[in-house]
């Protein structure tokens, strides 16, 4: 498939979801809920998702991100050498 065909297929597949990440996240939740409903001895199902997605550790390449929003912008300006240091209070806790 060429790029235009891939984008068209993606739009048809993910429907109302804004991107592939949101679509695949919801699909996984549905699968877990469906599988849990088949069990006789039900157990609590808890889905914990990170509040922010950062750059890739390894795949497809180290530091890869598909967004310049949120933390991706930070990676971009740091990676290009624009942001060279970031003085912070070491007593603060990052969430």
N, C-alpha and C. Protein backbone atom coordinates (compact mmCIF):
# COMPACT_ATOMS: atom_id res chain seq x y z
N UNK A 1 0.84 -1.19 0.00
CA UNK A 1 0.00 0.00 0.00
C UNK A 1 0.89 1.24 0.00
N UNK A 2 0.45 2.26 -0.71
CA UNK A 2 1.18 3.52 -0.63
C UNK A 2 0.65 4.33 0.56
N UNK A 3 1.30 5.44 0.85
CA UNK A 3 0.97 6.23 2.04
C UNK A 3 -0.48 6.67 2.06
N UNK A 4 -1.01 7.11 0.93
CA UNK A 4 -2.40 7.58 0.90
C UNK A 4 -3.37 6.43 1.19
N UNK A 5 -3.07 5.22 0.71
CA UNK A 5 -3.93 4.07 0.98
C UNK A 5 -3.88 3.68 2.45
N UNK A 6 -2.70 3.76 3.03
CA UNK A 6 -2.56 3.44 4.46
C UNK A 6 -3.37 4.42 5.30
N UNK A 7 -3.25 5.71 5.01
CA UNK A 7 -3.99 6.72 5.78
C UNK A 7 -5.50 6.54 5.61
N UNK A 8 -5.93 6.21 4.41
CA UNK A 8 -7.36 5.99 4.17
C UNK A 8 -7.85 4.76 4.94
N UNK A 9 -7.09 3.68 4.91
CA UNK A 9 -7.46 2.47 5.64
C UNK A 9 -7.49 2.74 7.14
N UNK A 10 -6.52 3.51 7.63
CA UNK A 10 -6.47 3.84 9.05
C UNK A 10 -7.72 4.59 9.46
N UNK A 11 -8.12 5.56 8.66
CA UNK A 11 -9.31 6.35 8.99
C UNK A 11 -10.55 5.46 9.03
N UNK A 12 -10.66 4.52 8.12
CA UNK A 12 -11.81 3.61 8.10
C UNK A 12 -11.79 2.65 9.28
N UNK A 13 -10.61 2.25 9.73
CA UNK A 13 -10.50 1.28 10.82
C UNK A 13 -10.73 1.91 12.18
N UNK A 14 -10.14 3.06 12.45
CA UNK A 14 -10.21 3.60 13.82
C UNK A 14 -11.47 4.42 14.07
N UNK A 15 -12.20 4.77 13.03
CA UNK A 15 -13.48 5.45 13.20
C UNK A 15 -13.39 6.73 14.00
N UNK A 16 -14.13 6.78 15.12
CA UNK A 16 -14.24 8.01 15.91
C UNK A 16 -13.01 8.30 16.77
N UNK A 17 -12.08 7.35 16.86
CA UNK A 17 -10.91 7.55 17.71
C UNK A 17 -9.92 8.51 17.05
N UNK A 18 -9.27 9.37 17.82
CA UNK A 18 -8.39 10.38 17.22
C UNK A 18 -7.09 9.84 16.65
N UNK A 19 -6.64 8.65 17.11
CA UNK A 19 -5.39 8.09 16.61
C UNK A 19 -5.32 6.60 16.92
N UNK A 20 -4.29 5.95 16.38
CA UNK A 20 -4.14 4.50 16.56
C UNK A 20 -3.93 4.12 18.02
N UNK A 21 -3.25 4.96 18.77
CA UNK A 21 -3.00 4.67 20.19
C UNK A 21 -4.31 4.54 20.94
N UNK A 22 -5.18 5.52 20.79
CA UNK A 22 -6.47 5.48 21.49
C UNK A 22 -7.32 4.29 21.04
N UNK A 23 -7.28 4.00 19.75
CA UNK A 23 -8.03 2.87 19.22
C UNK A 23 -7.53 1.55 19.80
N UNK A 24 -6.23 1.32 19.77
CA UNK A 24 -5.69 0.05 20.25
C UNK A 24 -5.85 -0.08 21.77
N UNK A 25 -5.79 1.03 22.49
CA UNK A 25 -6.00 1.02 23.94
C UNK A 25 -7.43 0.57 24.25
N UNK A 26 -8.38 1.11 23.55
CA UNK A 26 -9.79 0.74 23.77
C UNK A 26 -10.05 -0.71 23.35
N UNK A 27 -9.42 -1.15 22.27
CA UNK A 27 -9.58 -2.52 21.82
C UNK A 27 -9.07 -3.48 22.89
N UNK A 28 -7.93 -3.18 23.50
CA UNK A 28 -7.38 -4.04 24.55
C UNK A 28 -8.32 -4.07 25.75
N UNK A 29 -8.90 -2.94 26.11
CA UNK A 29 -9.84 -2.90 27.24
C UNK A 29 -11.06 -3.78 26.95
N UNK A 30 -11.56 -3.74 25.73
CA UNK A 30 -12.72 -4.55 25.36
C UNK A 30 -12.40 -6.04 25.43
N UNK A 31 -11.21 -6.42 24.96
CA UNK A 31 -10.81 -7.83 25.00
C UNK A 31 -10.72 -8.31 26.45
N UNK A 32 -10.10 -7.52 27.31
CA UNK A 32 -9.99 -7.90 28.72
C UNK A 32 -11.37 -8.03 29.38
N UNK A 33 -12.24 -7.08 29.12
CA UNK A 33 -13.58 -7.13 29.71
C UNK A 33 -14.35 -8.34 29.20
N UNK A 34 -14.22 -8.66 27.92
CA UNK A 34 -14.90 -9.82 27.34
C UNK A 34 -14.39 -11.11 27.96
N UNK A 35 -13.07 -11.25 28.06
CA UNK A 35 -12.49 -12.46 28.64
C UNK A 35 -12.87 -12.61 30.11
N UNK A 36 -12.91 -11.50 30.83
CA UNK A 36 -13.28 -11.57 32.24
C UNK A 36 -14.73 -12.03 32.40
N UNK A 37 -15.60 -11.60 31.50
CA UNK A 37 -17.02 -11.97 31.61
C UNK A 37 -17.23 -13.47 31.40
N UNK A 38 -16.29 -14.16 30.75
CA UNK A 38 -16.42 -15.60 30.51
C UNK A 38 -15.99 -16.43 31.72
N UNK A 39 -15.29 -15.82 32.67
CA UNK A 39 -14.81 -16.57 33.84
C UNK A 39 -15.94 -16.78 34.85
N UNK A 40 -15.97 -17.97 35.45
CA UNK A 40 -16.98 -18.25 36.47
C UNK A 40 -16.64 -17.55 37.78
N UNK A 41 -15.39 -17.63 38.21
CA UNK A 41 -14.93 -16.95 39.42
C UNK A 41 -14.35 -15.61 38.99
N UNK A 42 -15.19 -14.62 38.95
CA UNK A 42 -14.74 -13.31 38.47
C UNK A 42 -13.78 -12.67 39.46
N UNK A 43 -12.88 -11.93 38.93
CA UNK A 43 -11.92 -11.19 39.74
C UNK A 43 -11.97 -9.73 39.30
N UNK A 44 -11.58 -8.81 40.18
CA UNK A 44 -11.62 -7.39 39.80
C UNK A 44 -10.65 -7.12 38.65
N UNK A 45 -11.09 -6.36 37.72
CA UNK A 45 -10.26 -5.98 36.59
C UNK A 45 -9.90 -4.51 36.74
N UNK A 46 -8.61 -4.24 36.80
CA UNK A 46 -8.14 -2.87 36.94
C UNK A 46 -7.18 -2.60 35.79
N UNK A 47 -7.43 -1.54 35.06
CA UNK A 47 -6.56 -1.15 33.97
C UNK A 47 -5.88 0.15 34.37
N UNK A 48 -4.56 0.11 34.42
CA UNK A 48 -3.78 1.29 34.79
C UNK A 48 -3.01 1.74 33.56
N UNK A 49 -3.21 2.99 33.19
CA UNK A 49 -2.52 3.53 32.03
C UNK A 49 -1.68 4.72 32.46
N UNK A 50 -0.52 4.88 31.85
CA UNK A 50 0.30 6.05 32.20
C UNK A 50 -0.41 7.34 31.79
N UNK A 51 -0.17 8.39 32.53
CA UNK A 51 -0.83 9.66 32.23
C UNK A 51 -0.17 10.37 31.06
N UNK A 52 1.04 10.00 30.72
CA UNK A 52 1.73 10.63 29.60
C UNK A 52 2.63 9.59 28.93
N UNK A 53 2.67 9.63 27.66
CA UNK A 53 3.50 8.71 26.89
C UNK A 53 4.72 9.48 26.40
N UNK A 54 5.88 8.95 26.67
CA UNK A 54 7.12 9.62 26.29
C UNK A 54 7.70 8.97 25.04
N UNK A 55 8.91 9.32 24.75
CA UNK A 55 9.59 8.80 23.56
C UNK A 55 9.91 7.32 23.74
N UNK A 56 10.10 6.63 22.62
CA UNK A 56 10.38 5.20 22.62
C UNK A 56 11.74 4.89 23.21
N UNK A 57 11.82 3.78 23.92
CA UNK A 57 13.09 3.33 24.47
C UNK A 57 13.98 2.73 23.37
N UNK A 58 13.39 1.85 22.55
CA UNK A 58 14.17 1.22 21.48
C UNK A 58 13.49 1.25 20.12
N UNK A 59 12.20 0.90 20.06
CA UNK A 59 11.53 0.70 18.77
C UNK A 59 10.62 1.88 18.43
N UNK A 60 10.55 2.34 17.21
CA UNK A 60 11.34 1.88 16.07
C UNK A 60 12.79 2.35 16.12
N UNK A 61 13.06 3.45 16.80
CA UNK A 61 14.43 3.90 17.06
C UNK A 61 14.43 4.58 18.43
N UNK A 62 15.54 4.54 19.16
CA UNK A 62 15.58 5.21 20.47
C UNK A 62 15.21 6.69 20.37
N UNK A 63 14.34 7.14 21.26
CA UNK A 63 13.94 8.54 21.28
C UNK A 63 12.82 8.91 20.34
N UNK A 64 12.30 7.95 19.59
CA UNK A 64 11.24 8.24 18.61
C UNK A 64 9.96 8.68 19.31
N UNK A 65 9.31 9.68 18.76
CA UNK A 65 7.99 10.11 19.22
C UNK A 65 7.22 10.58 18.00
N UNK A 66 5.90 10.41 18.04
CA UNK A 66 5.10 10.83 16.89
C UNK A 66 4.36 12.13 17.17
N UNK A 67 4.74 12.82 18.24
CA UNK A 67 4.02 14.03 18.60
C UNK A 67 4.98 15.07 19.17
N UNK A 68 4.77 16.31 18.77
CA UNK A 68 5.54 17.39 19.38
C UNK A 68 4.75 18.05 20.51
N UNK A 69 3.60 17.48 20.83
CA UNK A 69 2.82 17.96 21.96
C UNK A 69 3.33 17.34 23.25
N UNK A 70 2.93 17.91 24.35
CA UNK A 70 3.29 17.40 25.67
C UNK A 70 4.79 17.18 25.80
N UNK A 71 5.20 16.01 26.23
CA UNK A 71 6.62 15.76 26.50
C UNK A 71 7.43 15.61 25.22
N UNK A 72 6.77 15.29 24.10
CA UNK A 72 7.48 15.16 22.83
C UNK A 72 8.18 16.45 22.44
N UNK A 73 7.56 17.59 22.73
CA UNK A 73 8.18 18.88 22.45
C UNK A 73 9.46 19.08 23.24
N UNK A 74 9.43 18.64 24.48
CA UNK A 74 10.62 18.71 25.33
C UNK A 74 11.75 17.89 24.73
N UNK A 75 11.44 16.68 24.30
CA UNK A 75 12.45 15.83 23.67
C UNK A 75 13.01 16.48 22.41
N UNK A 76 12.14 17.11 21.64
CA UNK A 76 12.59 17.73 20.39
C UNK A 76 13.57 18.88 20.67
N UNK A 77 13.23 19.78 21.58
CA UNK A 77 14.13 20.92 21.82
C UNK A 77 15.41 20.49 22.53
N UNK A 78 15.33 19.47 23.38
CA UNK A 78 16.53 18.96 24.03
C UNK A 78 17.40 18.21 23.02
N UNK A 79 16.77 17.43 22.16
CA UNK A 79 17.51 16.65 21.17
C UNK A 79 18.22 17.50 20.14
N UNK A 80 17.66 18.66 19.85
CA UNK A 80 18.29 19.58 18.89
C UNK A 80 19.31 20.50 19.56
N UNK A 81 19.48 20.36 20.86
CA UNK A 81 20.48 21.16 21.56
C UNK A 81 20.01 22.55 21.94
N UNK A 82 18.73 22.84 21.76
CA UNK A 82 18.20 24.16 22.12
C UNK A 82 18.12 24.29 23.64
N UNK A 83 17.62 23.26 24.27
CA UNK A 83 17.55 23.20 25.74
C UNK A 83 18.76 22.41 26.22
N UNK A 84 19.70 23.10 26.87
CA UNK A 84 20.93 22.44 27.25
C UNK A 84 20.96 22.06 28.73
N UNK A 85 20.21 22.73 29.56
CA UNK A 85 20.11 22.34 30.96
C UNK A 85 18.73 22.75 31.48
N UNK A 86 18.33 22.10 32.53
CA UNK A 86 17.01 22.34 33.10
C UNK A 86 17.13 22.32 34.61
N UNK A 87 17.42 23.48 35.22
CA UNK A 87 17.57 23.52 36.68
C UNK A 87 16.21 23.27 37.36
N UNK A 88 16.18 22.29 38.22
CA UNK A 88 14.95 21.92 38.94
C UNK A 88 15.25 21.79 40.41
N UNK A 89 14.20 21.79 41.20
CA UNK A 89 14.31 21.54 42.63
C UNK A 89 14.40 20.02 42.83
N UNK A 90 15.51 19.49 43.35
CA UNK A 90 15.65 18.03 43.50
C UNK A 90 14.69 17.44 44.52
N UNK A 91 14.01 18.27 45.30
CA UNK A 91 13.05 17.75 46.27
C UNK A 91 11.67 17.53 45.66
N UNK A 92 11.46 18.03 44.44
CA UNK A 92 10.17 17.83 43.78
C UNK A 92 10.05 16.41 43.26
N UNK A 93 8.83 15.90 43.18
CA UNK A 93 8.59 14.55 42.68
C UNK A 93 7.83 14.64 41.36
N UNK A 94 8.35 13.99 40.35
CA UNK A 94 7.67 13.96 39.06
C UNK A 94 6.61 12.88 39.06
N UNK A 95 5.47 13.18 38.48
CA UNK A 95 4.39 12.19 38.39
C UNK A 95 4.35 11.65 36.98
